[in-house]
Amino acid sequence: MDMVNFVHHVGSSSVLALEKAVQQLQLEAGLDHVKVSQAAAGVNRFCLQNAQHDPLLTGVSSSTNPFRSQKVYSFL
C-alpha cells in the first residue's frame, strides 16, 4: 500500500490527529527533565520558606476573615 492509499484508508482527520500527537511528543521531548526527588525537595523548600504566610497554617483572625459568619440584627 503506497502513502496516498494509506492516507485515504486512514482518513484525513486521523492523520491530522496523529500529526498533532507527534508534534506534541516532539515538544515534550525537548523539555528539560527534573528528577522527582529534586522537584519534591524544591516544593518542600518553597513550603517551608512561605509557611508564615499560609493562612491554613497560621490561621486567620476573626476581624480579617471574609468568611466569618455575619451578625444579624433585628429591630422590633
PDB file of N, CA and C in Angstrom:
ATOM      1  N   MET A   1       0.855  -1.176   0.000  1.00  0.00           N
ATOM      2  CA  MET A   1       0.000   0.000   0.000  1.00  0.00           C
ATOM      3  C   MET A   1       0.901   1.238   0.000  1.00  0.00           C
ATOM      4  N   ASP A   2       0.715   2.112  -0.978  1.00  0.00           N
ATOM      5  CA  ASP A   2       1.518   3.324  -1.016  1.00  0.00           C
ATOM      6  C   ASP A   2       0.936   4.383  -0.076  1.00  0.00           C
ATOM      7  N   MET A   3       1.656   5.480   0.095  1.00  0.00           N
ATOM      8  CA  MET A   3       1.283   6.501   1.078  1.00  0.00           C
ATOM      9  C   MET A   3      -0.053   7.152   0.752  1.00  0.00           C
ATOM     10  N   VAL A   4      -0.328   7.410  -0.500  1.00  0.00           N
ATOM     11  CA  VAL A   4      -1.591   8.044  -0.883  1.00  0.00           C
ATOM     12  C   VAL A   4      -2.765   7.155  -0.505  1.00  0.00           C
ATOM     13  N   ASN A   5      -2.680   5.881  -0.831  1.00  0.00           N
ATOM     14  CA  ASN A   5      -3.752   4.963  -0.456  1.00  0.00           C
ATOM     15  C   ASN A   5      -3.861   4.835   1.063  1.00  0.00           C
ATOM     16  N   PHE A   6      -2.730   4.882   1.740  1.00  0.00           N
ATOM     17  CA  PHE A   6      -2.755   4.785   3.200  1.00  0.00           C
ATOM     18  C   PHE A   6      -3.502   5.978   3.787  1.00  0.00           C
ATOM     19  N   VAL A   7      -3.232   7.182   3.285  1.00  0.00           N
ATOM     20  CA  VAL A   7      -3.903   8.388   3.785  1.00  0.00           C
ATOM     21  C   VAL A   7      -5.395   8.286   3.546  1.00  0.00           C
ATOM     22  N   HIS A   8      -5.796   7.847   2.379  1.00  0.00           N
ATOM     23  CA  HIS A   8      -7.228   7.705   2.098  1.00  0.00           C
ATOM     24  C   HIS A   8      -7.829   6.608   2.963  1.00  0.00           C
ATOM     25  N   HIS A   9      -7.057   5.582   3.239  1.00  0.00           N
ATOM     26  CA  HIS A   9      -7.546   4.467   4.050  1.00  0.00           C
ATOM     27  C   HIS A   9      -7.769   4.896   5.500  1.00  0.00           C
ATOM     28  N   VAL A  10      -6.811   5.615   6.061  1.00  0.00           N
ATOM     29  CA  VAL A  10      -6.889   6.009   7.460  1.00  0.00           C
ATOM     30  C   VAL A  10      -7.859   7.169   7.646  1.00  0.00           C
ATOM     31  N   GLY A  11      -7.895   8.060   6.694  1.00  0.00           N
ATOM     32  CA  GLY A  11      -8.753   9.233   6.796  1.00  0.00           C
ATOM     33  C   GLY A  11      -7.934  10.444   7.183  1.00  0.00           C
ATOM     34  N   SER A  12      -8.305  11.571   6.616  1.00  0.00           N
ATOM     35  CA  SER A  12      -7.500  12.776   6.835  1.00  0.00           C
ATOM     36  C   SER A  12      -7.593  13.273   8.275  1.00  0.00           C
ATOM     37  N   SER A  13      -8.728  13.094   8.942  1.00  0.00           N
ATOM     38  CA  SER A  13      -8.829  13.565  10.321  1.00  0.00           C
ATOM     39  C   SER A  13      -7.927  12.760  11.239  1.00  0.00           C
ATOM     40  N   SER A  14      -7.791  11.456  10.971  1.00  0.00           N
ATOM     41  CA  SER A  14      -6.899  10.632  11.774  1.00  0.00           C
ATOM     42  C   SER A  14      -5.449  11.029  11.549  1.00  0.00           C
ATOM     43  N   VAL A  15      -5.113  11.359  10.331  1.00  0.00           N
ATOM     44  CA  VAL A  15      -3.751  11.777  10.019  1.00  0.00           C
ATOM     45  C   VAL A  15      -3.435  13.087  10.729  1.00  0.00           C
ATOM     46  N   LEU A  16      -4.380  14.013  10.723  1.00  0.00           N
ATOM     47  CA  LEU A  16      -4.171  15.281  11.421  1.00  0.00           C
ATOM     48  C   LEU A  16      -4.001  15.057  12.916  1.00  0.00           C
ATOM     49  N   ALA A  17      -4.782  14.163  13.481  1.00  0.00           N
ATOM     50  CA  ALA A  17      -4.663  13.852  14.908  1.00  0.00           C
ATOM     51  C   ALA A  17      -3.304  13.236  15.213  1.00  0.00           C
ATOM     52  N   LEU A  18      -2.843  12.361  14.341  1.00  0.00           N
ATOM     53  CA  LEU A  18      -1.524  11.752  14.535  1.00  0.00           C
ATOM     54  C   LEU A  18      -0.411  12.785  14.402  1.00  0.00           C
ATOM     55  N   GLU A  19      -0.548  13.699  13.457  1.00  0.00           N
ATOM     56  CA  GLU A  19       0.454  14.749  13.285  1.00  0.00           C
ATOM     57  C   GLU A  19       0.510  15.644  14.514  1.00  0.00           C
ATOM     58  N   LYS A  20      -0.649  15.965  15.089  1.00  0.00           N
ATOM     59  CA  LYS A  20      -0.684  16.768  16.309  1.00  0.00           C
ATOM     60  C   LYS A  20      -0.015  16.026  17.460  1.00  0.00           C
ATOM     61  N   ALA A  21      -0.266  14.731  17.559  1.00  0.00           N
ATOM     62  CA  ALA A  21       0.333  13.926  18.625  1.00  0.00           C
ATOM     63  C   ALA A  21       1.848  13.889  18.479  1.00  0.00           C
ATOM     64  N   VAL A  22       2.335  13.713  17.255  1.00  0.00           N
ATOM     65  CA  VAL A  22       3.776  13.691  17.007  1.00  0.00           C
ATOM     66  C   VAL A  22       4.381  15.045  17.356  1.00  0.00           C
ATOM     67  N   GLN A  23       3.711  16.109  16.974  1.00  0.00           N
ATOM     68  CA  GLN A  23       4.188  17.456  17.276  1.00  0.00           C
ATOM     69  C   GLN A  23       4.284  17.666  18.796  1.00  0.00           C
ATOM     70  N   GLN A  24       3.267  17.228  19.530  1.00  0.00           N
ATOM     71  CA  GLN A  24       3.266  17.362  20.985  1.00  0.00           C
ATOM     72  C   GLN A  24       4.394  16.543  21.607  1.00  0.00           C
ATOM     73  N   LEU A  25       4.592  15.327  21.124  1.00  0.00           N
ATOM     74  CA  LEU A  25       5.661  14.479  21.646  1.00  0.00           C
ATOM     75  C   LEU A  25       7.035  15.078  21.372  1.00  0.00           C
ATOM     76  N   GLN A  26       7.213  15.675  20.199  1.00  0.00           N
ATOM     77  CA  GLN A  26       8.483  16.325  19.883  1.00  0.00           C
ATOM     78  C   GLN A  26       8.729  17.510  20.805  1.00  0.00           C
ATOM     79  N   LEU A  27       7.675  18.262  21.096  1.00  0.00           N
ATOM     80  CA  LEU A  27       7.787  19.392  22.012  1.00  0.00           C
ATOM     81  C   LEU A  27       8.192  18.909  23.408  1.00  0.00           C
ATOM     82  N   GLU A  28       7.521  17.877  23.891  1.00  0.00           N
ATOM     83  CA  GLU A  28       7.809  17.351  25.226  1.00  0.00           C
ATOM     84  C   GLU A  28       9.193  16.721  25.303  1.00  0.00           C
ATOM     85  N   ALA A  29       9.660  16.132  24.221  1.00  0.00           N
ATOM     86  CA  ALA A  29      10.982  15.517  24.216  1.00  0.00           C
ATOM     87  C   ALA A  29      12.076  16.563  24.364  1.00  0.00           C
ATOM     88  N   GLY A  30      11.806  17.776  23.937  1.00  0.00           N
ATOM     89  CA  GLY A  30      12.787  18.844  24.018  1.00  0.00           C
ATOM     90  C   GLY A  30      12.840  19.549  25.365  1.00  0.00           C
ATOM     91  N   LEU A  31      11.921  19.233  26.275  1.00  0.00           N
ATOM     92  CA  LEU A  31      11.899  19.886  27.582  1.00  0.00           C
ATOM     93  C   LEU A  31      12.971  19.322  28.502  1.00  0.00           C
ATOM     94  N   ASP A  32      13.462  20.174  29.387  1.00  0.00           N
ATOM     95  CA  ASP A  32      14.403  19.708  30.400  1.00  0.00           C
ATOM     96  C   ASP A  32      13.634  18.907  31.439  1.00  0.00           C
ATOM     97  N   HIS A  33      14.219  17.816  31.882  1.00  0.00           N
ATOM     98  CA  HIS A  33      13.578  16.955  32.864  1.00  0.00           C
ATOM     99  C   HIS A  33      14.241  17.145  34.222  1.00  0.00           C
ATOM    100  N   VAL A  34      13.444  17.011  35.265  1.00  0.00           N
ATOM    101  CA  VAL A  34      13.934  17.130  36.636  1.00  0.00           C
ATOM    102  C   VAL A  34      13.554  15.856  37.365  1.00  0.00           C
ATOM    103  N   LYS A  35      14.481  15.341  38.149  1.00  0.00           N
ATOM    104  CA  LYS A  35      14.180  14.143  38.917  1.00  0.00           C
ATOM    105  C   LYS A  35      13.096  14.456  39.939  1.00  0.00           C
ATOM    106  N   VAL A  36      12.266  13.468  40.235  1.00  0.00           N
ATOM    107  CA  VAL A  36      11.170  13.645  41.178  1.00  0.00           C
ATOM    108  C   VAL A  36      11.714  14.066  42.537  1.00  0.00           C
ATOM    109  N   SER A  37      12.825  13.486  42.954  1.00  0.00           N
ATOM    110  CA  SER A  37      13.403  13.829  44.255  1.00  0.00           C
ATOM    111  C   SER A  37      13.822  15.298  44.296  1.00  0.00           C
ATOM    112  N   GLN A  38      14.338  15.819  43.186  1.00  0.00           N
ATOM    113  CA  GLN A  38      14.726  17.228  43.138  1.00  0.00           C
ATOM    114  C   GLN A  38      13.491  18.129  43.162  1.00  0.00           C
ATOM    115  N   ALA A  39      12.465  17.752  42.427  1.00  0.00           N
ATOM    116  CA  ALA A  39      11.239  18.544  42.406  1.00  0.00           C
ATOM    117  C   ALA A  39      10.588  18.551  43.781  1.00  0.00           C
ATOM    118  N   ALA A  40      10.552  17.394  44.445  1.00  0.00           N
ATOM    119  CA  ALA A  40       9.961  17.300  45.778  1.00  0.00           C
ATOM    120  C   ALA A  40      10.748  18.147  46.776  1.00  0.00           C
ATOM    121  N   ALA A  41      12.059  18.137  46.669  1.00  0.00           N
ATOM    122  CA  ALA A  41      12.883  18.960  47.560  1.00  0.00           C
ATOM    123  C   ALA A  41      12.605  20.444  47.332  1.00  0.00           C
ATOM    124  N   GLY A  42      12.419  20.833  46.088  1.00  0.00           N
ATOM    125  CA  GLY A  42      12.102  22.229  45.775  1.00  0.00           C
ATOM    126  C   GLY A  42      10.753  22.640  46.321  1.00  0.00           C
ATOM    127  N   VAL A  43       9.761  21.779  46.195  1.00  0.00           N
ATOM    128  CA  VAL A  43       8.425  22.074  46.726  1.00  0.00           C
ATOM    129  C   VAL A  43       8.486  22.173  48.247  1.00  0.00           C
ATOM    130  N   ASN A  44       9.203  21.256  48.871  1.00  0.00           N
ATOM    131  CA  ASN A  44       9.347  21.270  50.330  1.00  0.00           C
ATOM    132  C   ASN A  44      10.015  22.565  50.786  1.00  0.00           C
ATOM    133  N   ARG A  45      11.080  22.968  50.105  1.00  0.00           N
ATOM    134  CA  ARG A  45      11.797  24.201  50.438  1.00  0.00           C
ATOM    135  C   ARG A  45      10.868  25.409  50.296  1.00  0.00           C
ATOM    136  N   PHE A  46      10.100  25.455  49.220  1.00  0.00           N
ATOM    137  CA  PHE A  46       9.160  26.555  48.995  1.00  0.00           C
ATOM    138  C   PHE A  46       8.131  26.614  50.113  1.00  0.00           C
ATOM    139  N   CYS A  47       7.580  25.456  50.493  1.00  0.00           N
ATOM    140  CA  CYS A  47       6.562  25.421  51.547  1.00  0.00           C
ATOM    141  C   CYS A  47       7.129  25.916  52.873  1.00  0.00           C
ATOM    142  N   LEU A  48       8.336  25.485  53.204  1.00  0.00           N
ATOM    143  CA  LEU A  48       8.948  25.918  54.464  1.00  0.00           C
ATOM    144  C   LEU A  48       9.251  27.417  54.452  1.00  0.00           C
ATOM    145  N   GLN A  49       9.686  27.937  53.327  1.00  0.00           N
ATOM    146  CA  GLN A  49      10.009  29.361  53.232  1.00  0.00           C
ATOM    147  C   GLN A  49       8.767  30.243  53.303  1.00  0.00           C
ATOM    148  N   ASN A  50       7.613  29.710  52.872  1.00  0.00           N
ATOM    149  CA  ASN A  50       6.397  30.517  52.808  1.00  0.00           C
ATOM    150  C   ASN A  50       5.349  30.122  53.842  1.00  0.00           C
ATOM    151  N   ALA A  51       5.713  29.270  54.789  1.00  0.00           N
ATOM    152  CA  ALA A  51       4.751  28.782  55.778  1.00  0.00           C
ATOM    153  C   ALA A  51       4.177  29.907  56.629  1.00  0.00           C
ATOM    154  N   GLN A  52       4.977  30.928  56.922  1.00  0.00           N
ATOM    155  CA  GLN A  52       4.491  32.007  57.788  1.00  0.00           C
ATOM    156  C   GLN A  52       3.405  32.847  57.131  1.00  0.00           C
ATOM    157  N   HIS A  53       3.249  32.733  55.814  1.00  0.00           N
ATOM    158  CA  HIS A  53       2.221  33.494  55.091  1.00  0.00           C
ATOM    159  C   HIS A  53       1.012  32.638  54.734  1.00  0.00           C
ATOM    160  N   ASP A  54       1.004  31.381  55.139  1.00  0.00           N
ATOM    161  CA  ASP A  54      -0.064  30.458  54.761  1.00  0.00           C
ATOM    162  C   ASP A  54      -1.162  30.488  55.817  1.00  0.00           C
ATOM    163  N   PRO A  55      -2.356  31.016  55.468  1.00  0.00           N
ATOM    164  CA  PRO A  55      -3.430  31.109  56.453  1.00  0.00           C
ATOM    165  C   PRO A  55      -3.937  29.746  56.921  1.00  0.00           C
ATOM    166  N   LEU A  56      -3.690  28.693  56.160  1.00  0.00           N
ATOM    167  CA  LEU A  56      -4.092  27.368  56.616  1.00  0.00           C
ATOM    168  C   LEU A  56      -3.217  26.896  57.771  1.00  0.00           C
ATOM    169  N   LEU A  57      -1.988  27.401  57.829  1.00  0.00           N
ATOM    170  CA  LEU A  57      -1.076  27.019  58.908  1.00  0.00           C
ATOM    171  C   LEU A  57      -1.108  28.009  60.066  1.00  0.00           C
ATOM    172  N   THR A  58      -1.239  29.302  59.758  1.00  0.00           N
ATOM    173  CA  THR A  58      -1.165  30.324  60.796  1.00  0.00           C
ATOM    174  C   THR A  58      -2.530  30.731  61.327  1.00  0.00           C
ATOM    175  N   GLY A  59      -3.581  30.426  60.582  1.00  0.00           N
ATOM    176  CA  GLY A  59      -4.919  30.846  60.999  1.00  0.00           C
ATOM    177  C   GLY A  59      -5.223  32.240  60.515  1.00  0.00           C
ATOM    178  N   VAL A  60      -6.475  32.614  60.615  1.00  0.00           N
ATOM    179  CA  VAL A  60      -6.933  33.926  60.176  1.00  0.00           C
ATOM    180  C   VAL A  60      -7.657  34.564  61.349  1.00  0.00           C
ATOM    181  N   SER A  61      -7.314  35.801  61.630  1.00  0.00           N
ATOM    182  CA  SER A  61      -8.006  36.475  62.725  1.00  0.00           C
ATOM    183  C   SER A  61      -9.459  36.704  62.331  1.00  0.00           C
ATOM    184  N   SER A  62     -10.325  36.665  63.306  1.00  0.00           N
ATOM    185  CA  SER A  62     -11.760  36.785  63.003  1.00  0.00           C
ATOM    186  C   SER A  62     -12.102  38.156  62.439  1.00  0.00           C
ATOM    187  N   SER A  63     -11.310  39.172  62.748  1.00  0.00           N
ATOM    188  CA  SER A  63     -11.616  40.511  62.236  1.00  0.00           C
ATOM    189  C   SER A  63     -11.282  40.650  60.757  1.00  0.00           C
ATOM    190  N   THR A  64     -10.343  39.856  60.252  1.00  0.00           N
ATOM    191  CA  THR A  64      -9.968  39.959  58.836  1.00  0.00           C
ATOM    192  C   THR A  64     -10.500  38.817  57.993  1.00  0.00           C
ATOM    193  N   ASN A  65     -11.238  37.902  58.610  1.00  0.00           N
ATOM    194  CA  ASN A  65     -11.745  36.741  57.885  1.00  0.00           C
ATOM    195  C   ASN A  65     -12.990  37.125  57.092  1.00  0.00           C
ATOM    196  N   PRO A  66     -12.924  37.116  55.769  1.00  0.00           N
ATOM    197  CA  PRO A  66     -14.100  37.488  54.967  1.00  0.00           C
ATOM    198  C   PRO A  66     -15.200  36.422  55.009  1.00  0.00           C
ATOM    199  N   PHE A  67     -14.910  35.241  55.535  1.00  0.00           N
ATOM    200  CA  PHE A  67     -15.887  34.156  55.551  1.00  0.00           C
ATOM    201  C   PHE A  67     -16.520  33.959  56.923  1.00  0.00           C
ATOM    202  N   ARG A  68     -16.241  34.864  57.848  1.00  0.00           N
ATOM    203  CA  ARG A  68     -16.832  34.727  59.178  1.00  0.00           C
ATOM    204  C   ARG A  68     -18.346  34.876  59.083  1.00  0.00           C
ATOM    205  N   SER A  69     -19.035  34.284  60.012  1.00  0.00           N
ATOM    206  CA  SER A  69     -20.496  34.387  59.983  1.00  0.00           C
ATOM    207  C   SER A  69     -20.895  35.823  60.297  1.00  0.00           C
ATOM    208  N   GLN A  70     -21.851  36.297  59.548  1.00  0.00           N
ATOM    209  CA  GLN A  70     -22.310  37.667  59.700  1.00  0.00           C
ATOM    210  C   GLN A  70     -23.293  37.757  60.867  1.00  0.00           C
ATOM    211  N   LYS A  71     -23.174  38.839  61.620  1.00  0.00           N
ATOM    212  CA  LYS A  71     -24.115  39.070  62.720  1.00  0.00           C
ATOM    213  C   LYS A  71     -25.404  39.623  62.120  1.00  0.00           C
ATOM    214  N   VAL A  72     -26.486  39.102  62.592  1.00  0.00           N
ATOM    215  CA  VAL A  72     -27.789  39.559  62.092  1.00  0.00           C
ATOM    216  C   VAL A  72     -28.465  40.327  63.220  1.00  0.00           C
ATOM    217  N   TYR A  73     -28.866  41.546  62.929  1.00  0.00           N
ATOM    218  CA  TYR A  73     -29.551  42.382  63.903  1.00  0.00           C
ATOM    219  C   TYR A  73     -31.008  42.506  63.471  1.00  0.00           C
ATOM    220  N   SER A  74     -31.875  42.376  64.407  1.00  0.00           N
ATOM    221  CA  SER A  74     -33.292  42.599  64.070  1.00  0.00           C
ATOM    222  C   SER A  74     -33.860  43.602  65.073  1.00  0.00           C
ATOM    223  N   PHE A  75     -34.580  44.547  64.561  1.00  0.00           N
ATOM    224  CA  PHE A  75     -35.199  45.573  65.395  1.00  0.00           C
ATOM    225  C   PHE A  75     -36.696  45.392  65.343  1.00  0.00           C
ATOM    226  N   LEU A  76     -37.304  45.470  66.494  1.00  0.00           N
ATOM    227  CA  LEU A  76     -38.762  45.335  66.553  1.00  0.00           C
ATOM    228  C   LEU A  76     -39.431  46.637  66.768  1.00  0.00           C
TER     229      LEU A  76
END
